[in-house]
Amino acid sequence: MRDLKQTGFNDRITTQQEAKKALLAKFKPKPAAPDPEFEKLAQKRAAEKEALRQQHELAKSEERREKAEKEAARMAAEREAEEAVDAEKRAARKERKAVSKEDQKAARDARYAARKARQR
């Protein structure tokens, strides 16, 4: 192949190196100009994030409150059931005692009557 441009070996090497540098320069990051809206957008995003966080916190506190109310209602119902069972047991015990006292009184009266009958 003929050399039409009449370049030497060194010229070709330097041209190749310059082309390689230019190709690599395309891929290097360029200094970016700061966006004037960047601060406003960042503040807007931060405000939205904070509002969302507050909304989640409010929802969580509402859930906790409802859960506490349900637990309190369950405990109250459980306590009422226990009190009802205790009252029923007390009533049964009082009834047994009353029957027992009546039986004791009847037995005592029978003994008294038997003693009076023997003395006559």
N, C-alpha and C. Protein backbone atom coordinates (compact mmCIF):
# COMPACT_ATOMS: atom_id res chain seq x y z
N MET A 1 0.84 -1.16 0.00
CA MET A 1 0.00 0.00 0.00
C MET A 1 0.90 1.24 0.00
N ARG A 2 0.46 2.14 -0.73
CA ARG A 2 1.27 3.34 -0.85
C ARG A 2 0.90 4.37 0.19
N ASP A 3 1.86 5.08 0.62
CA ASP A 3 1.63 6.11 1.61
C ASP A 3 1.28 7.39 0.87
N LEU A 4 -0.01 7.74 0.87
CA LEU A 4 -0.45 8.90 0.12
C LEU A 4 -0.16 10.21 0.85
N LYS A 5 -0.17 10.16 2.16
CA LYS A 5 -0.01 11.39 2.92
C LYS A 5 1.44 11.68 3.24
N GLN A 6 2.29 10.78 2.93
CA GLN A 6 3.72 10.96 3.16
C GLN A 6 4.02 11.15 4.64
N THR A 7 3.45 10.26 5.48
CA THR A 7 3.69 10.34 6.92
C THR A 7 4.66 9.26 7.30
N GLY A 8 5.43 9.54 8.33
CA GLY A 8 6.39 8.57 8.80
C GLY A 8 5.79 7.74 9.95
N PHE A 9 6.59 6.81 10.43
CA PHE A 9 6.14 5.91 11.50
C PHE A 9 5.80 6.69 12.77
N ASN A 10 6.63 7.61 13.13
CA ASN A 10 6.41 8.39 14.35
C ASN A 10 5.13 9.23 14.23
N ASP A 11 4.85 9.77 13.07
CA ASP A 11 3.62 10.56 12.88
C ASP A 11 2.39 9.67 13.08
N ARG A 12 2.45 8.47 12.54
CA ARG A 12 1.32 7.56 12.67
C ARG A 12 1.12 7.16 14.15
N ILE A 13 2.20 6.92 14.85
CA ILE A 13 2.12 6.54 16.28
C ILE A 13 1.51 7.69 17.08
N THR A 14 1.95 8.90 16.88
CA THR A 14 1.40 10.04 17.63
C THR A 14 -0.07 10.25 17.27
N THR A 15 -0.42 10.08 16.01
CA THR A 15 -1.81 10.22 15.60
C THR A 15 -2.67 9.16 16.28
N GLN A 16 -2.13 7.93 16.34
CA GLN A 16 -2.86 6.85 17.02
C GLN A 16 -3.04 7.16 18.50
N GLN A 17 -2.00 7.65 19.16
CA GLN A 17 -2.10 7.98 20.59
C GLN A 17 -3.11 9.11 20.83
N GLU A 18 -3.13 10.09 19.95
CA GLU A 18 -4.08 11.19 20.10
C GLU A 18 -5.52 10.68 19.92
N ALA A 19 -5.70 9.80 18.96
CA ALA A 19 -7.03 9.25 18.73
C ALA A 19 -7.47 8.42 19.94
N LYS A 20 -6.53 7.67 20.50
CA LYS A 20 -6.85 6.87 21.69
C LYS A 20 -7.21 7.77 22.86
N LYS A 21 -6.47 8.84 23.04
CA LYS A 21 -6.77 9.78 24.13
C LYS A 21 -8.15 10.42 23.94
N ALA A 22 -8.46 10.77 22.70
CA ALA A 22 -9.77 11.39 22.41
C ALA A 22 -10.90 10.40 22.70
N LEU A 23 -10.66 9.12 22.33
CA LEU A 23 -11.68 8.10 22.58
C LEU A 23 -11.88 7.89 24.08
N LEU A 24 -10.78 7.87 24.84
CA LEU A 24 -10.90 7.72 26.30
C LEU A 24 -11.53 8.95 26.94
N ALA A 25 -11.30 10.11 26.39
CA ALA A 25 -11.86 11.34 26.95
C ALA A 25 -13.38 11.34 26.84
N LYS A 26 -13.93 10.64 25.84
CA LYS A 26 -15.38 10.56 25.71
C LYS A 26 -16.01 9.89 26.93
N PHE A 27 -15.30 8.90 27.49
CA PHE A 27 -15.85 8.11 28.59
C PHE A 27 -15.60 8.73 29.96
N LYS A 28 -14.72 9.72 30.04
CA LYS A 28 -14.45 10.35 31.33
C LYS A 28 -15.65 11.20 31.73
N PRO A 29 -15.96 11.19 33.05
CA PRO A 29 -17.10 12.02 33.49
C PRO A 29 -16.77 13.49 33.35
N LYS A 30 -17.74 14.21 32.88
CA LYS A 30 -17.54 15.64 32.69
C LYS A 30 -18.06 16.36 33.92
N PRO A 31 -17.45 17.44 34.28
CA PRO A 31 -17.94 18.19 35.44
C PRO A 31 -19.35 18.70 35.15
N ALA A 32 -20.26 18.34 36.06
CA ALA A 32 -21.66 18.71 35.85
C ALA A 32 -21.93 20.07 36.46
N ALA A 33 -22.72 20.82 35.79
CA ALA A 33 -23.15 22.11 36.32
C ALA A 33 -24.26 21.83 37.32
N PRO A 34 -24.20 22.43 38.49
CA PRO A 34 -25.24 22.16 39.48
C PRO A 34 -26.60 22.64 38.99
N ASP A 35 -27.58 21.79 39.23
CA ASP A 35 -28.95 22.11 38.82
C ASP A 35 -29.52 23.13 39.80
N PRO A 36 -30.04 24.23 39.30
CA PRO A 36 -30.58 25.24 40.23
C PRO A 36 -31.82 24.74 40.97
N GLU A 37 -32.51 23.78 40.42
CA GLU A 37 -33.72 23.24 41.05
C GLU A 37 -33.40 22.11 42.03
N PHE A 38 -32.13 21.71 42.10
CA PHE A 38 -31.77 20.55 42.91
C PHE A 38 -32.14 20.75 44.37
N GLU A 39 -31.82 21.89 44.94
CA GLU A 39 -32.12 22.15 46.36
C GLU A 39 -33.63 22.15 46.60
N LYS A 40 -34.37 22.76 45.69
CA LYS A 40 -35.82 22.79 45.85
C LYS A 40 -36.41 21.38 45.78
N LEU A 41 -35.91 20.60 44.83
CA LEU A 41 -36.39 19.23 44.70
C LEU A 41 -36.02 18.40 45.92
N ALA A 42 -34.81 18.59 46.43
CA ALA A 42 -34.38 17.86 47.62
C ALA A 42 -35.26 18.23 48.82
N GLN A 43 -35.56 19.50 48.96
CA GLN A 43 -36.42 19.92 50.07
C GLN A 43 -37.83 19.36 49.90
N LYS A 44 -38.32 19.35 48.67
CA LYS A 44 -39.65 18.81 48.40
C LYS A 44 -39.69 17.33 48.72
N ARG A 45 -38.66 16.58 48.30
CA ARG A 45 -38.60 15.14 48.59
C ARG A 45 -38.52 14.90 50.10
N ALA A 46 -37.72 15.71 50.78
CA ALA A 46 -37.58 15.56 52.22
C ALA A 46 -38.92 15.83 52.92
N ALA A 47 -39.63 16.86 52.45
CA ALA A 47 -40.94 17.18 53.04
C ALA A 47 -41.93 16.05 52.79
N GLU A 48 -41.93 15.49 51.58
CA GLU A 48 -42.82 14.37 51.27
C GLU A 48 -42.48 13.15 52.12
N LYS A 49 -41.18 12.90 52.27
CA LYS A 49 -40.73 11.77 53.08
C LYS A 49 -41.16 11.94 54.53
N GLU A 50 -41.02 13.13 55.06
CA GLU A 50 -41.41 13.41 56.44
C GLU A 50 -42.92 13.26 56.61
N ALA A 51 -43.69 13.75 55.63
CA ALA A 51 -45.14 13.62 55.71
C ALA A 51 -45.54 12.15 55.67
N LEU A 52 -44.89 11.38 54.82
CA LEU A 52 -45.18 9.95 54.75
C LEU A 52 -44.81 9.25 56.06
N ARG A 53 -43.67 9.63 56.64
CA ARG A 53 -43.24 9.05 57.92
C ARG A 53 -44.25 9.38 59.01
N GLN A 54 -44.72 10.61 59.05
CA GLN A 54 -45.71 11.00 60.06
C GLN A 54 -47.01 10.25 59.85
N GLN A 55 -47.39 10.06 58.59
CA GLN A 55 -48.61 9.32 58.30
C GLN A 55 -48.49 7.87 58.78
N HIS A 56 -47.33 7.26 58.53
CA HIS A 56 -47.11 5.89 59.00
C HIS A 56 -47.11 5.82 60.52
N GLU A 57 -46.48 6.81 61.15
CA GLU A 57 -46.44 6.85 62.61
C GLU A 57 -47.85 7.00 63.18
N LEU A 58 -48.65 7.84 62.54
CA LEU A 58 -50.04 8.03 62.98
C LEU A 58 -50.83 6.73 62.83
N ALA A 59 -50.63 6.04 61.71
CA ALA A 59 -51.33 4.78 61.49
C ALA A 59 -50.89 3.74 62.52
N LYS A 60 -49.59 3.70 62.80
CA LYS A 60 -49.08 2.74 63.79
C LYS A 60 -49.63 3.05 65.17
N SER A 61 -49.67 4.33 65.55
CA SER A 61 -50.19 4.68 66.87
C SER A 61 -51.68 4.35 66.95
N GLU A 62 -52.40 4.53 65.86
CA GLU A 62 -53.82 4.18 65.82
C GLU A 62 -53.99 2.67 65.99
N GLU A 63 -53.14 1.90 65.31
CA GLU A 63 -53.19 0.43 65.46
C GLU A 63 -52.90 0.02 66.90
N ARG A 64 -51.86 0.65 67.48
CA ARG A 64 -51.51 0.33 68.86
C ARG A 64 -52.65 0.66 69.81
N ARG A 65 -53.31 1.82 69.58
CA ARG A 65 -54.43 2.22 70.43
C ARG A 65 -55.58 1.22 70.31
N GLU A 66 -55.91 0.85 69.07
CA GLU A 66 -56.99 -0.12 68.86
C GLU A 66 -56.64 -1.46 69.51
N LYS A 67 -55.40 -1.87 69.37
CA LYS A 67 -54.97 -3.14 69.96
C LYS A 67 -55.08 -3.08 71.49
N ALA A 68 -54.68 -1.93 72.06
CA ALA A 68 -54.77 -1.77 73.52
C ALA A 68 -56.24 -1.77 73.97
N GLU A 69 -57.11 -1.13 73.19
CA GLU A 69 -58.53 -1.13 73.54
C GLU A 69 -59.11 -2.54 73.48
N LYS A 70 -58.75 -3.28 72.44
CA LYS A 70 -59.24 -4.66 72.32
C LYS A 70 -58.72 -5.50 73.48
N GLU A 71 -57.46 -5.31 73.83
CA GLU A 71 -56.88 -6.08 74.94
C GLU A 71 -57.58 -5.72 76.25
N ALA A 72 -57.86 -4.42 76.45
CA ALA A 72 -58.55 -4.00 77.67
C ALA A 72 -59.97 -4.58 77.71
N ALA A 73 -60.65 -4.58 76.57
CA ALA A 73 -62.01 -5.14 76.52
C ALA A 73 -61.96 -6.64 76.80
N ARG A 74 -60.97 -7.32 76.23
CA ARG A 74 -60.83 -8.76 76.46
C ARG A 74 -60.55 -9.05 77.93
N MET A 75 -59.66 -8.25 78.53
CA MET A 75 -59.34 -8.44 79.94
C MET A 75 -60.57 -8.17 80.81
N ALA A 76 -61.35 -7.13 80.47
CA ALA A 76 -62.54 -6.81 81.25
C ALA A 76 -63.56 -7.94 81.14
N ALA A 77 -63.74 -8.46 79.94
CA ALA A 77 -64.68 -9.57 79.75
C ALA A 77 -64.21 -10.80 80.51
N GLU A 78 -62.92 -11.04 80.48
CA GLU A 78 -62.35 -12.19 81.20
C GLU A 78 -62.56 -12.01 82.71
N ARG A 79 -62.31 -10.80 83.20
CA ARG A 79 -62.48 -10.52 84.62
C ARG A 79 -63.95 -10.67 85.02
N GLU A 80 -64.86 -10.17 84.18
CA GLU A 80 -66.29 -10.32 84.47
C GLU A 80 -66.70 -11.79 84.51
N ALA A 81 -66.16 -12.57 83.58
CA ALA A 81 -66.47 -14.00 83.56
C ALA A 81 -65.95 -14.67 84.83
N GLU A 82 -64.75 -14.31 85.25
CA GLU A 82 -64.19 -14.87 86.49
C GLU A 82 -65.03 -14.46 87.70
N GLU A 83 -65.45 -13.18 87.72
CA GLU A 83 -66.27 -12.71 88.84
C GLU A 83 -67.62 -13.44 88.87
N ALA A 84 -68.18 -13.69 87.68
CA ALA A 84 -69.46 -14.41 87.61
C ALA A 84 -69.29 -15.83 88.13
N VAL A 85 -68.19 -16.47 87.74
CA VAL A 85 -67.93 -17.84 88.21
C VAL A 85 -67.73 -17.83 89.73
N ASP A 86 -66.97 -16.84 90.22
CA ASP A 86 -66.75 -16.75 91.68
C ASP A 86 -68.08 -16.50 92.41
N ALA A 87 -68.91 -15.62 91.88
CA ALA A 87 -70.20 -15.35 92.52
C ALA A 87 -71.06 -16.61 92.54
N GLU A 88 -71.02 -17.34 91.43
CA GLU A 88 -71.80 -18.59 91.37
C GLU A 88 -71.28 -19.59 92.40
N LYS A 89 -69.97 -19.68 92.54
CA LYS A 89 -69.39 -20.59 93.54
C LYS A 89 -69.78 -20.16 94.95
N ARG A 90 -69.72 -18.82 95.20
CA ARG A 90 -70.10 -18.31 96.52
C ARG A 90 -71.56 -18.63 96.83
N ALA A 91 -72.42 -18.43 95.84
CA ALA A 91 -73.85 -18.69 96.04
C ALA A 91 -74.07 -20.18 96.33
N ALA A 92 -73.37 -21.05 95.59
CA ALA A 92 -73.51 -22.49 95.82
C ALA A 92 -73.01 -22.85 97.21
N ARG A 93 -71.90 -22.26 97.63
CA ARG A 93 -71.36 -22.54 98.96
C ARG A 93 -72.32 -22.06 100.05
N LYS A 94 -72.90 -20.86 99.88
CA LYS A 94 -73.86 -20.36 100.85
C LYS A 94 -75.08 -21.27 100.94
N GLU A 95 -75.52 -21.75 99.77
CA GLU A 95 -76.67 -22.65 99.75
C GLU A 95 -76.33 -23.95 100.48
N ARG A 96 -75.14 -24.49 100.23
CA ARG A 96 -74.74 -25.71 100.92
C ARG A 96 -74.66 -25.48 102.42
N LYS A 97 -74.12 -24.33 102.83
CA LYS A 97 -74.04 -24.02 104.26
C LYS A 97 -75.42 -23.90 104.88
N ALA A 98 -76.34 -23.26 104.15
CA ALA A 98 -77.70 -23.10 104.67
C ALA A 98 -78.36 -24.46 104.83
N VAL A 99 -78.20 -25.32 103.83
CA VAL A 99 -78.76 -26.67 103.92
C VAL A 99 -78.09 -27.42 105.06
N SER A 100 -76.79 -27.28 105.18
CA SER A 100 -76.06 -27.95 106.25
C SER A 100 -76.53 -27.45 107.61
N LYS A 101 -76.74 -26.13 107.75
CA LYS A 101 -77.23 -25.60 109.02
C LYS A 101 -78.63 -26.11 109.33
N GLU A 102 -79.46 -26.17 108.30
CA GLU A 102 -80.81 -26.70 108.51
C GLU A 102 -80.76 -28.15 108.97
N ASP A 103 -79.89 -28.94 108.34
CA ASP A 103 -79.74 -30.35 108.75
C ASP A 103 -79.22 -30.44 110.18
N GLN A 104 -78.24 -29.60 110.49
CA GLN A 104 -77.71 -29.62 111.85
C GLN A 104 -78.79 -29.20 112.86
N LYS A 105 -79.58 -28.20 112.50
CA LYS A 105 -80.64 -27.75 113.41
C LYS A 105 -81.69 -28.84 113.58
N ALA A 106 -82.02 -29.53 112.48
CA ALA A 106 -83.01 -30.61 112.57
C ALA A 106 -82.47 -31.74 113.43
N ALA A 107 -81.19 -32.07 113.28
CA ALA A 107 -80.59 -33.14 114.10
C ALA A 107 -80.56 -32.71 115.56
N ARG A 108 -80.22 -31.47 115.82
CA ARG A 108 -80.19 -30.98 117.19
C ARG A 108 -81.58 -31.00 117.80
N ASP A 109 -82.56 -30.55 117.03
CA ASP A 109 -83.95 -30.58 117.51
C ASP A 109 -84.40 -32.01 117.79
N ALA A 110 -83.97 -32.94 116.91
CA ALA A 110 -84.35 -34.35 117.11
C ALA A 110 -83.71 -34.87 118.39
N ARG A 111 -82.46 -34.54 118.63
CA ARG A 111 -81.81 -34.98 119.88
C ARG A 111 -82.51 -34.36 121.09
N TYR A 112 -82.83 -33.08 120.98
CA TYR A 112 -83.53 -32.41 122.08
C TYR A 112 -84.87 -33.07 122.35
N ALA A 113 -85.59 -33.34 121.27
CA ALA A 113 -86.91 -33.99 121.43
C ALA A 113 -86.76 -35.39 122.01
N ALA A 114 -85.72 -36.12 121.59
CA ALA A 114 -85.49 -37.47 122.12
C ALA A 114 -85.15 -37.40 123.61
N ARG A 115 -84.37 -36.43 123.99
CA ARG A 115 -84.02 -36.28 125.38
C ARG A 115 -85.24 -35.93 126.22
N LYS A 116 -86.08 -35.04 125.70
CA LYS A 116 -87.29 -34.68 126.42
C LYS A 116 -88.22 -35.88 126.52
N ALA A 117 -88.23 -36.68 125.47
CA ALA A 117 -89.11 -37.88 125.49
C ALA A 117 -88.60 -38.87 126.52
N ARG A 118 -87.30 -39.01 126.68
CA ARG A 118 -86.77 -39.95 127.66
C ARG A 118 -87.02 -39.43 129.08
N GLN A 119 -86.98 -38.16 129.26
CA GLN A 119 -87.19 -37.62 130.61
C GLN A 119 -88.64 -37.76 131.04
N ARG A 120 -89.58 -37.90 130.19
CA ARG A 120 -90.96 -38.04 130.56
C ARG A 120 -91.32 -39.40 130.92
